[in-house]
Amino acid sequence: MVASICVKATSVRGASVLVAPARPVLRTHEQLLALWVCRQYHEWTQRPWCRGAKKLYGVQDRVMLHKYRCNVKHRDHGGLFMITRLPLDPEKLVAVMLYVASRVSDPTKFKIGKLIFLGDFVHIAKYGRAIVGGRYCALPNGPVPSEVLDLLNGLITGDISPEFWGTGIETALQVSGDPYPTFLPKVKPDMSMLSESDVEILDKVIAEFGKWNFHKLIEFTHSLPAYMKAAEREPDSRNPAMDYEDFFEGNTFVVPGTKQELLENYALSRAFPEHSLAV
């Protein structure tokens, strides 16, 4: 193992993530190579001579570059890649859902989903990684974390996705009410799944937005560039995907450098899933 430059880091279930306080991050030589190639590729896409530049590097570097490019979802935005899905830990998602639901007076699908979205929206801007991740869609009622919506609908119908089997979600929440059911926690969230920065941002979001009503939350989230851009890109889609890069636009919580951290960590998590940094 070798030490890379100092970034904000801690450890969650053995995976390096970006939170305060700052200390050196240990990465393998292979990870550092991938990180270096990722940075080179990001620069190449901005330059007219990008194709020729690849010839200056060795075969191993070019193989790593090819692997990196193939593992990142691209959109046609002047050569820049756009991330529409981040790695998601089912157990952590359940812990976050329980944490949010236990701290609001109206834990509906709408309120839980919106607060989780806002948690990721703020955390990504401040720390360069998502709390939950997964895929976000721009639905008529605002941004929606797809996996959260599917899981809550599954609790209503009794059809839980296999990826959440064994998480205890079937008995963790009590579903009651109609036509807008609430999801009341019957157990406490597993706090070992959450980092200090996760709790910090979730508490901040719940305190600021937790008491907002349906219409106020819709109005606010509809005004976000990430939502508007997704709807504009796919006007005929019922659930257009939102790009994580767009989360930084118009976001007052952005810390310089966190967008690049998100891109690099995503690339590393795809190239080295056993050492995932984008958890």
C-alpha atoms as a PDB file:
ATOM      1  CA  MET A   1       0.000   0.000   0.000  1.00  0.00           C
ATOM      2  CA  VAL A   2       1.123   3.575  -0.643  1.00  0.00           C
ATOM      3  CA  ALA A   3      -0.218   6.897   0.561  1.00  0.00           C
ATOM      4  CA  SER A   4      -1.823   9.311  -1.862  1.00  0.00           C
ATOM      5  CA  ILE A   5      -2.269  13.029  -1.279  1.00  0.00           C
ATOM      6  CA  CYS A   6      -4.302  13.967   1.780  1.00  0.00           C
ATOM      7  CA  VAL A   7      -8.046  14.107   1.299  1.00  0.00           C
ATOM      8  CA  LYS A   8     -10.913  14.085   3.763  1.00  0.00           C
ATOM      9  CA  ALA A   9     -11.439  10.455   4.720  1.00  0.00           C
ATOM     10  CA  THR A  10     -12.702   7.979   7.276  1.00  0.00           C
ATOM     11  CA  SER A  11     -13.804   4.324   7.204  1.00  0.00           C
ATOM     12  CA  VAL A  12     -17.275   2.802   6.861  1.00  0.00           C
ATOM     13  CA  ARG A  13     -17.394  -1.006   6.899  1.00  0.00           C
ATOM     14  CA  GLY A  14     -13.838  -1.127   5.571  1.00  0.00           C
ATOM     15  CA  ALA A  15     -14.387   1.236   2.640  1.00  0.00           C
ATOM     16  CA  SER A  16     -12.695   4.629   2.329  1.00  0.00           C
ATOM     17  CA  VAL A  17     -15.122   7.528   2.053  1.00  0.00           C
ATOM     18  CA  LEU A  18     -14.773  11.293   2.011  1.00  0.00           C
ATOM     19  CA  VAL A  19     -15.565  12.915   5.335  1.00  0.00           C
ATOM     20  CA  ALA A  20     -13.814  15.114   7.882  1.00  0.00           C
ATOM     21  CA  PRO A  21     -11.280  15.228   9.451  1.00  0.00           C
ATOM     22  CA  ALA A  22      -8.505  15.045   6.852  1.00  0.00           C
ATOM     23  CA  ARG A  23      -5.830  12.362   6.930  1.00  0.00           C
ATOM     24  CA  PRO A  24      -3.838  10.384   4.308  1.00  0.00           C
ATOM     25  CA  VAL A  25      -5.772   7.822   2.251  1.00  0.00           C
ATOM     26  CA  LEU A  26      -4.021   4.531   1.572  1.00  0.00           C
ATOM     27  CA  ARG A  27      -4.455   3.231  -1.946  1.00  0.00           C
ATOM     28  CA  THR A  28      -2.850   0.373  -3.855  1.00  0.00           C
ATOM     29  CA  HIS A  29      -0.478   1.016  -6.740  1.00  0.00           C
ATOM     30  CA  GLU A  30      -3.203  -0.172  -9.123  1.00  0.00           C
ATOM     31  CA  GLN A  31      -5.713   2.279  -7.674  1.00  0.00           C
ATOM     32  CA  LEU A  32      -3.243   5.135  -7.943  1.00  0.00           C
ATOM     33  CA  LEU A  33      -2.553   4.189 -11.551  1.00  0.00           C
ATOM     34  CA  ALA A  34      -6.281   4.201 -12.296  1.00  0.00           C
ATOM     35  CA  LEU A  35      -6.686   7.516 -10.491  1.00  0.00           C
ATOM     36  CA  TRP A  36      -3.859   9.054 -12.511  1.00  0.00           C
ATOM     37  CA  VAL A  37      -5.273   7.723 -15.788  1.00  0.00           C
ATOM     38  CA  CYS A  38      -8.745   9.018 -14.842  1.00  0.00           C
ATOM     39  CA  ARG A  39      -7.311  12.486 -14.360  1.00  0.00           C
ATOM     40  CA  GLN A  40      -5.418  12.258 -17.653  1.00  0.00           C
ATOM     41  CA  TYR A  41      -8.573  11.180 -19.482  1.00  0.00           C
ATOM     42  CA  HIS A  42     -10.546  14.030 -17.939  1.00  0.00           C
ATOM     43  CA  GLU A  43      -7.929  16.453 -19.281  1.00  0.00           C
ATOM     44  CA  TRP A  44      -7.739  14.753 -22.704  1.00  0.00           C
ATOM     45  CA  THR A  45     -11.465  15.161 -23.288  1.00  0.00           C
ATOM     46  CA  GLN A  46     -10.992  18.927 -23.036  1.00  0.00           C
ATOM     47  CA  ARG A  47      -8.213  19.102 -25.626  1.00  0.00           C
ATOM     48  CA  PRO A  48      -8.299  18.758 -29.428  1.00  0.00           C
ATOM     49  CA  TRP A  49      -5.222  16.520 -29.436  1.00  0.00           C
ATOM     50  CA  CYS A  50      -6.688  13.977 -27.013  1.00  0.00           C
ATOM     51  CA  ARG A  51      -6.443  10.989 -29.383  1.00  0.00           C
ATOM     52  CA  GLY A  52      -2.751  11.533 -30.046  1.00  0.00           C
ATOM     53  CA  ALA A  53      -1.975  11.941 -26.354  1.00  0.00           C
ATOM     54  CA  LYS A  54      -2.907   8.326 -25.627  1.00  0.00           C
ATOM     55  CA  LYS A  55       0.006   7.165 -27.788  1.00  0.00           C
ATOM     56  CA  LEU A  56       2.464   8.745 -25.348  1.00  0.00           C
ATOM     57  CA  TYR A  57       1.624   6.226 -22.627  1.00  0.00           C
ATOM     58  CA  GLY A  58       2.331   2.542 -22.193  1.00  0.00           C
ATOM     59  CA  VAL A  59       0.114  -0.425 -22.978  1.00  0.00           C
ATOM     60  CA  GLN A  60      -0.838  -0.954 -19.323  1.00  0.00           C
ATOM     61  CA  ASP A  61      -1.939   2.664 -18.994  1.00  0.00           C
ATOM     62  CA  ARG A  62      -4.007   2.459 -22.160  1.00  0.00           C
ATOM     63  CA  VAL A  63      -5.656  -0.786 -21.017  1.00  0.00           C
ATOM     64  CA  MET A  64      -6.584   0.890 -17.723  1.00  0.00           C
ATOM     65  CA  LEU A  65      -7.883   3.914 -19.633  1.00  0.00           C
ATOM     66  CA  HIS A  66     -10.018   1.674 -21.855  1.00  0.00           C
ATOM     67  CA  LYS A  67     -11.412  -0.137 -18.796  1.00  0.00           C
ATOM     68  CA  TYR A  68     -12.197   3.213 -17.165  1.00  0.00           C
ATOM     69  CA  ARG A  69     -13.950   4.597 -20.249  1.00  0.00           C
ATOM     70  CA  CYS A  70     -16.033   1.438 -20.697  1.00  0.00           C
ATOM     71  CA  ASN A  71     -17.221   1.512 -17.079  1.00  0.00           C
ATOM     72  CA  VAL A  72     -18.484   5.084 -17.063  1.00  0.00           C
ATOM     73  CA  LYS A  73     -21.890   5.974 -18.474  1.00  0.00           C
ATOM     74  CA  HIS A  74     -21.505   8.689 -21.105  1.00  0.00           C
ATOM     75  CA  ARG A  75     -23.854  11.280 -22.501  1.00  0.00           C
ATOM     76  CA  ASP A  76     -23.190  13.533 -25.465  1.00  0.00           C
ATOM     77  CA  HIS A  77     -22.120  16.632 -23.547  1.00  0.00           C
ATOM     78  CA  GLY A  78     -19.009  17.730 -25.390  1.00  0.00           C
ATOM     79  CA  GLY A  79     -17.147  14.550 -24.470  1.00  0.00           C
ATOM     80  CA  LEU A  80     -17.803  14.780 -20.718  1.00  0.00           C
ATOM     81  CA  PHE A  81     -19.177  11.676 -19.017  1.00  0.00           C
ATOM     82  CA  MET A  82     -22.298  11.933 -16.897  1.00  0.00           C
ATOM     83  CA  ILE A  83     -23.040   9.615 -13.965  1.00  0.00           C
ATOM     84  CA  THR A  84     -26.659   8.487 -13.668  1.00  0.00           C
ATOM     85  CA  ARG A  85     -26.200   5.766 -11.041  1.00  0.00           C
ATOM     86  CA  LEU A  86     -23.902   5.322  -8.045  1.00  0.00           C
ATOM     87  CA  PRO A  87     -23.217   2.132  -6.052  1.00  0.00           C
ATOM     88  CA  LEU A  88     -25.869   1.466  -3.408  1.00  0.00           C
ATOM     89  CA  ASP A  89     -25.643  -0.639  -0.232  1.00  0.00           C
ATOM     90  CA  PRO A  90     -29.101  -2.167   0.550  1.00  0.00           C
ATOM     91  CA  GLU A  91     -28.396  -2.386   4.298  1.00  0.00           C
ATOM     92  CA  LYS A  92     -27.282   1.228   4.436  1.00  0.00           C
ATOM     93  CA  LEU A  93     -30.355   2.344   2.492  1.00  0.00           C
ATOM     94  CA  VAL A  94     -32.605   0.610   5.037  1.00  0.00           C
ATOM     95  CA  ALA A  95     -30.722   2.319   7.881  1.00  0.00           C
ATOM     96  CA  VAL A  96     -31.132   5.726   6.227  1.00  0.00           C
ATOM     97  CA  MET A  97     -34.854   5.142   5.615  1.00  0.00           C
ATOM     98  CA  LEU A  98     -35.375   4.199   9.266  1.00  0.00           C
ATOM     99  CA  TYR A  99     -33.343   7.189  10.428  1.00  0.00           C
ATOM    100  CA  VAL A 100     -35.355   9.644   8.337  1.00  0.00           C
ATOM    101  CA  ALA A 101     -38.737   8.044   9.089  1.00  0.00           C
ATOM    102  CA  SER A 102     -38.079   8.163  12.847  1.00  0.00           C
ATOM    103  CA  ARG A 103     -37.394  11.895  12.790  1.00  0.00           C
ATOM    104  CA  VAL A 104     -40.379  13.320  10.915  1.00  0.00           C
ATOM    105  CA  SER A 105     -44.034  13.497  11.896  1.00  0.00           C
ATOM    106  CA  ASP A 106     -45.306  12.407   8.470  1.00  0.00           C
ATOM    107  CA  PRO A 107     -43.078   9.594   7.125  1.00  0.00           C
ATOM    108  CA  THR A 108     -44.848   9.169   3.776  1.00  0.00           C
ATOM    109  CA  LYS A 109     -43.266   7.913   0.558  1.00  0.00           C
ATOM    110  CA  PHE A 110     -43.056  11.497  -0.623  1.00  0.00           C
ATOM    111  CA  LYS A 111     -41.415  12.891   2.522  1.00  0.00           C
ATOM    112  CA  ILE A 112     -38.949  10.019   2.992  1.00  0.00           C
ATOM    113  CA  GLY A 113     -37.936  10.092  -0.658  1.00  0.00           C
ATOM    114  CA  LYS A 114     -37.486  13.871  -0.781  1.00  0.00           C
ATOM    115  CA  LEU A 115     -35.396  14.029   2.391  1.00  0.00           C
ATOM    116  CA  ILE A 116     -33.133  11.216   1.189  1.00  0.00           C
ATOM    117  CA  PHE A 117     -32.674  13.030  -2.113  1.00  0.00           C
ATOM    118  CA  LEU A 118     -31.843  16.289  -0.319  1.00  0.00           C
ATOM    119  CA  GLY A 119     -29.431  14.396   1.910  1.00  0.00           C
ATOM    120  CA  ASP A 120     -27.519  13.127  -1.117  1.00  0.00           C
ATOM    121  CA  PHE A 121     -27.806  16.529  -2.805  1.00  0.00           C
ATOM    122  CA  VAL A 122     -26.098  18.273   0.126  1.00  0.00           C
ATOM    123  CA  HIS A 123     -23.634  15.498   1.028  1.00  0.00           C
ATOM    124  CA  ILE A 124     -22.312  15.160  -2.512  1.00  0.00           C
ATOM    125  CA  ALA A 125     -21.724  18.907  -2.710  1.00  0.00           C
ATOM    126  CA  LYS A 126     -19.902  19.035   0.629  1.00  0.00           C
ATOM    127  CA  TYR A 127     -18.035  15.717   0.725  1.00  0.00           C
ATOM    128  CA  GLY A 128     -17.915  14.418  -2.851  1.00  0.00           C
ATOM    129  CA  ARG A 129     -19.912  11.238  -2.233  1.00  0.00           C
ATOM    130  CA  ALA A 130     -23.537  10.234  -1.775  1.00  0.00           C
ATOM    131  CA  ILE A 131     -25.058   8.985   1.448  1.00  0.00           C
ATOM    132  CA  VAL A 132     -27.294   6.500  -0.386  1.00  0.00           C
ATOM    133  CA  GLY A 133     -26.539   6.693  -4.109  1.00  0.00           C
ATOM    134  CA  GLY A 134     -28.458   4.579  -6.597  1.00  0.00           C
ATOM    135  CA  ARG A 135     -30.499   6.197  -9.375  1.00  0.00           C
ATOM    136  CA  TYR A 136     -32.508   9.422  -9.165  1.00  0.00           C
ATOM    137  CA  CYS A 137     -35.358  10.211 -11.535  1.00  0.00           C
ATOM    138  CA  ALA A 138     -37.140  13.482 -12.304  1.00  0.00           C
ATOM    139  CA  LEU A 139     -40.791  12.541 -11.733  1.00  0.00           C
ATOM    140  CA  PRO A 140     -43.748  14.976 -11.828  1.00  0.00           C
ATOM    141  CA  ASN A 141     -43.629  15.411  -8.041  1.00  0.00           C
ATOM    142  CA  GLY A 142     -39.896  16.113  -8.049  1.00  0.00           C
ATOM    143  CA  PRO A 143     -36.660  14.092  -7.753  1.00  0.00           C
ATOM    144  CA  VAL A 144     -37.161  10.524  -6.568  1.00  0.00           C
ATOM    145  CA  PRO A 145     -34.585   7.932  -5.413  1.00  0.00           C
ATOM    146  CA  SER A 146     -35.716   4.970  -7.534  1.00  0.00           C
ATOM    147  CA  GLU A 147     -34.636   2.252  -5.123  1.00  0.00           C
ATOM    148  CA  VAL A 148     -36.389   3.968  -2.193  1.00  0.00           C
ATOM    149  CA  LEU A 149     -39.637   4.280  -4.143  1.00  0.00           C
ATOM    150  CA  ASP A 150     -39.467   0.648  -5.292  1.00  0.00           C
ATOM    151  CA  LEU A 151     -38.758  -0.558  -1.761  1.00  0.00           C
ATOM    152  CA  LEU A 152     -41.609   1.416  -0.167  1.00  0.00           C
ATOM    153  CA  ASN A 153     -44.008   0.255  -2.878  1.00  0.00           C
ATOM    154  CA  GLY A 154     -42.801  -3.293  -2.235  1.00  0.00           C
ATOM    155  CA  LEU A 155     -43.685  -2.962   1.446  1.00  0.00           C
ATOM    156  CA  ILE A 156     -47.231  -2.027   0.447  1.00  0.00           C
ATOM    157  CA  THR A 157     -47.674  -4.860  -2.049  1.00  0.00           C
ATOM    158  CA  GLY A 158     -45.562  -7.435  -0.221  1.00  0.00           C
ATOM    159  CA  ASP A 159     -43.231  -7.765  -3.209  1.00  0.00           C
ATOM    160  CA  ILE A 160     -39.730  -6.932  -1.933  1.00  0.00           C
ATOM    161  CA  SER A 161     -36.858  -6.860  -4.419  1.00  0.00           C
ATOM    162  CA  PRO A 162     -34.390  -9.752  -3.865  1.00  0.00           C
ATOM    163  CA  GLU A 163     -31.492  -7.336  -3.259  1.00  0.00           C
ATOM    164  CA  PHE A 164     -33.200  -6.293  -0.016  1.00  0.00           C
ATOM    165  CA  TRP A 165     -33.864  -9.824   1.254  1.00  0.00           C
ATOM    166  CA  GLY A 166     -32.061 -10.317   4.541  1.00  0.00           C
ATOM    167  CA  THR A 167     -32.000  -6.619   5.457  1.00  0.00           C
ATOM    168  CA  GLY A 168     -34.964  -6.978   7.819  1.00  0.00           C
ATOM    169  CA  ILE A 169     -36.936  -4.316   5.970  1.00  0.00           C
ATOM    170  CA  GLU A 170     -40.067  -6.504   5.880  1.00  0.00           C
ATOM    171  CA  THR A 171     -40.565  -6.111   9.635  1.00  0.00           C
ATOM    172  CA  ALA A 172     -38.768  -2.787  10.188  1.00  0.00           C
ATOM    173  CA  LEU A 173     -41.571  -0.469   9.096  1.00  0.00           C
ATOM    174  CA  GLN A 174     -45.295  -0.516   9.830  1.00  0.00           C
ATOM    175  CA  VAL A 175     -47.383   0.562   6.841  1.00  0.00           C
ATOM    176  CA  SER A 176     -50.667   2.273   7.720  1.00  0.00           C
ATOM    177  CA  GLY A 177     -53.176   4.661   6.155  1.00  0.00           C
ATOM    178  CA  ASP A 178     -54.727   5.082   2.732  1.00  0.00           C
ATOM    179  CA  PRO A 179     -54.438   6.485   0.076  1.00  0.00           C
ATOM    180  CA  TYR A 180     -51.198   8.081   1.338  1.00  0.00           C
ATOM    181  CA  PRO A 181     -49.707   5.487   3.698  1.00  0.00           C
ATOM    182  CA  THR A 182     -47.136   6.307   6.338  1.00  0.00           C
ATOM    183  CA  PHE A 183     -44.142   4.139   7.211  1.00  0.00           C
ATOM    184  CA  LEU A 184     -43.606   4.078  10.972  1.00  0.00           C
ATOM    185  CA  PRO A 185     -40.347   2.508  12.232  1.00  0.00           C
ATOM    186  CA  LYS A 186     -40.705  -0.501  14.495  1.00  0.00           C
ATOM    187  CA  VAL A 187     -36.956  -0.845  15.059  1.00  0.00           C
ATOM    188  CA  LYS A 188     -34.070   1.567  15.462  1.00  0.00           C
ATOM    189  CA  PRO A 189     -31.737   2.221  12.520  1.00  0.00           C
ATOM    190  CA  ASP A 190     -28.384   0.454  12.473  1.00  0.00           C
ATOM    191  CA  MET A 191     -26.170   3.452  13.218  1.00  0.00           C
ATOM    192  CA  SER A 192     -23.020   1.466  12.412  1.00  0.00           C
ATOM    193  CA  MET A 193     -24.030   1.837   8.762  1.00  0.00           C
ATOM    194  CA  LEU A 194     -23.851   5.642   8.898  1.00  0.00           C
ATOM    195  CA  SER A 195     -20.734   7.798   9.027  1.00  0.00           C
ATOM    196  CA  GLU A 196     -20.434  10.980  11.066  1.00  0.00           C
ATOM    197  CA  SER A 197     -20.916  13.064   7.934  1.00  0.00           C
ATOM    198  CA  ASP A 198     -24.000  11.035   6.947  1.00  0.00           C
ATOM    199  CA  VAL A 199     -25.642  11.834  10.290  1.00  0.00           C
ATOM    200  CA  GLU A 200     -24.515  15.458  10.150  1.00  0.00           C
ATOM    201  CA  ILE A 201     -26.108  16.073   6.764  1.00  0.00           C
ATOM    202  CA  LEU A 202     -29.256  14.023   7.415  1.00  0.00           C
ATOM    203  CA  ASP A 203     -29.869  15.984  10.630  1.00  0.00           C
ATOM    204  CA  LYS A 204     -29.305  19.256   8.781  1.00  0.00           C
ATOM    205  CA  VAL A 205     -31.703  18.335   5.976  1.00  0.00           C
ATOM    206  CA  ILE A 206     -34.395  17.058   8.351  1.00  0.00           C
ATOM    207  CA  ALA A 207     -34.156  20.208  10.468  1.00  0.00           C
ATOM    208  CA  GLU A 208     -34.398  22.487   7.437  1.00  0.00           C
ATOM    209  CA  PHE A 209     -36.852  20.625   5.196  1.00  0.00           C
ATOM    210  CA  GLY A 210     -38.547  18.062   7.441  1.00  0.00           C
ATOM    211  CA  LYS A 211     -41.536  20.271   8.258  1.00  0.00           C
ATOM    212  CA  TRP A 212     -42.079  21.542   4.725  1.00  0.00           C
ATOM    213  CA  ASN A 213     -45.390  20.544   3.179  1.00  0.00           C
ATOM    214  CA  PHE A 214     -45.971  18.725  -0.100  1.00  0.00           C
ATOM    215  CA  HIS A 215     -46.311  21.835  -2.271  1.00  0.00           C
ATOM    216  CA  LYS A 216     -43.310  23.661  -0.817  1.00  0.00           C
ATOM    217  CA  LEU A 217     -41.023  20.671  -1.350  1.00  0.00           C
ATOM    218  CA  ILE A 218     -42.250  20.247  -4.925  1.00  0.00           C
ATOM    219  CA  GLU A 219     -41.706  23.919  -5.691  1.00  0.00           C
ATOM    220  CA  PHE A 220     -38.175  23.862  -4.277  1.00  0.00           C
ATOM    221  CA  THR A 221     -36.996  20.619  -5.883  1.00  0.00           C
ATOM    222  CA  HIS A 222     -38.521  21.544  -9.251  1.00  0.00           C
ATOM    223  CA  SER A 223     -36.353  24.677  -9.245  1.00  0.00           C
ATOM    224  CA  LEU A 224     -33.081  22.722  -8.994  1.00  0.00           C
ATOM    225  CA  PRO A 225     -30.989  22.647 -12.214  1.00  0.00           C
ATOM    226  CA  ALA A 226     -30.421  18.883 -11.838  1.00  0.00           C
ATOM    227  CA  TYR A 227     -34.174  18.273 -12.001  1.00  0.00           C
ATOM    228  CA  MET A 228     -34.842  20.738 -14.812  1.00  0.00           C
ATOM    229  CA  LYS A 229     -31.998  19.438 -16.981  1.00  0.00           C
ATOM    230  CA  ALA A 230     -33.175  15.815 -16.638  1.00  0.00           C
ATOM    231  CA  ALA A 231     -36.718  16.773 -17.652  1.00  0.00           C
ATOM    232  CA  GLU A 232     -35.423  18.794 -20.613  1.00  0.00           C
ATOM    233  CA  ARG A 233     -33.110  16.016 -21.825  1.00  0.00           C
ATOM    234  CA  GLU A 234     -35.882  13.406 -21.912  1.00  0.00           C
ATOM    235  CA  PRO A 235     -39.181  15.296 -22.334  1.00  0.00           C
ATOM    236  CA  ASP A 236     -41.031  12.163 -23.478  1.00  0.00           C
ATOM    237  CA  SER A 237     -39.797   9.946 -20.644  1.00  0.00           C
ATOM    238  CA  ARG A 238     -41.963   9.162 -17.620  1.00  0.00           C
ATOM    239  CA  ASN A 239     -38.884   8.850 -15.376  1.00  0.00           C
ATOM    240  CA  PRO A 240     -35.869  10.668 -16.874  1.00  0.00           C
ATOM    241  CA  ALA A 241     -32.605   9.921 -15.083  1.00  0.00           C
ATOM    242  CA  MET A 242     -30.857  12.727 -13.242  1.00  0.00           C
ATOM    243  CA  ASP A 243     -27.103  13.201 -13.645  1.00  0.00           C
ATOM    244  CA  TYR A 244     -25.064  13.401 -10.458  1.00  0.00           C
ATOM    245  CA  GLU A 245     -22.762  16.013 -12.004  1.00  0.00           C
ATOM    246  CA  ASP A 246     -25.754  18.337 -12.214  1.00  0.00           C
ATOM    247  CA  PHE A 247     -26.164  18.137  -8.422  1.00  0.00           C
ATOM    248  CA  PHE A 248     -23.325  20.659  -8.137  1.00  0.00           C
ATOM    249  CA  GLU A 249     -25.032  23.326 -10.231  1.00  0.00           C
ATOM    250  CA  GLY A 250     -26.924  25.910  -8.216  1.00  0.00           C
ATOM    251  CA  ASN A 251     -25.971  24.062  -5.012  1.00  0.00           C
ATOM    252  CA  THR A 252     -25.036  26.470  -2.213  1.00  0.00           C
ATOM    253  CA  PHE A 253     -23.310  23.683  -0.244  1.00  0.00           C
ATOM    254  CA  VAL A 254     -20.605  23.006  -2.858  1.00  0.00           C
ATOM    255  CA  VAL A 255     -17.032  22.777  -1.551  1.00  0.00           C
ATOM    256  CA  PRO A 256     -14.268  23.267  -4.174  1.00  0.00           C
ATOM    257  CA  GLY A 257     -12.833  19.972  -5.393  1.00  0.00           C
ATOM    258  CA  THR A 258     -15.729  17.725  -4.389  1.00  0.00           C
ATOM    259  CA  LYS A 259     -16.974  17.264  -7.954  1.00  0.00           C
ATOM    260  CA  GLN A 260     -13.599  15.945  -9.052  1.00  0.00           C
ATOM    261  CA  GLU A 261     -13.560  13.663  -5.998  1.00  0.00           C
ATOM    262  CA  LEU A 262     -16.939  12.265  -7.034  1.00  0.00           C
ATOM    263  CA  LEU A 263     -15.722  11.550 -10.574  1.00  0.00           C
ATOM    264  CA  GLU A 264     -12.483   9.922  -9.428  1.00  0.00           C
ATOM    265  CA  ASN A 265     -14.102   7.819  -6.714  1.00  0.00           C
ATOM    266  CA  TYR A 266     -16.796   6.639  -9.111  1.00  0.00           C
ATOM    267  CA  ALA A 267     -14.193   5.600 -11.677  1.00  0.00           C
ATOM    268  CA  LEU A 268     -12.180   3.744  -9.029  1.00  0.00           C
ATOM    269  CA  SER A 269     -15.272   1.978  -7.668  1.00  0.00           C
ATOM    270  CA  ARG A 270     -16.053   0.733 -11.187  1.00  0.00           C
ATOM    271  CA  ALA A 271     -12.493  -0.374 -11.926  1.00  0.00           C
ATOM    272  CA  PHE A 272     -11.966  -1.909  -8.462  1.00  0.00           C
ATOM    273  CA  PRO A 273     -15.364  -2.885  -7.015  1.00  0.00           C
ATOM    274  CA  GLU A 274     -13.723  -4.831  -4.153  1.00  0.00           C
ATOM    275  CA  HIS A 275     -12.186  -1.540  -2.994  1.00  0.00           C
ATOM    276  CA  SER A 276     -15.237   0.602  -3.647  1.00  0.00           C
ATOM    277  CA  LEU A 277     -14.830   4.233  -2.639  1.00  0.00           C
ATOM    278  CA  ALA A 278     -18.251   5.385  -3.841  1.00  0.00           C
ATOM    279  CA  VAL A 279     -20.362   3.722  -1.153  1.00  0.00           C
END
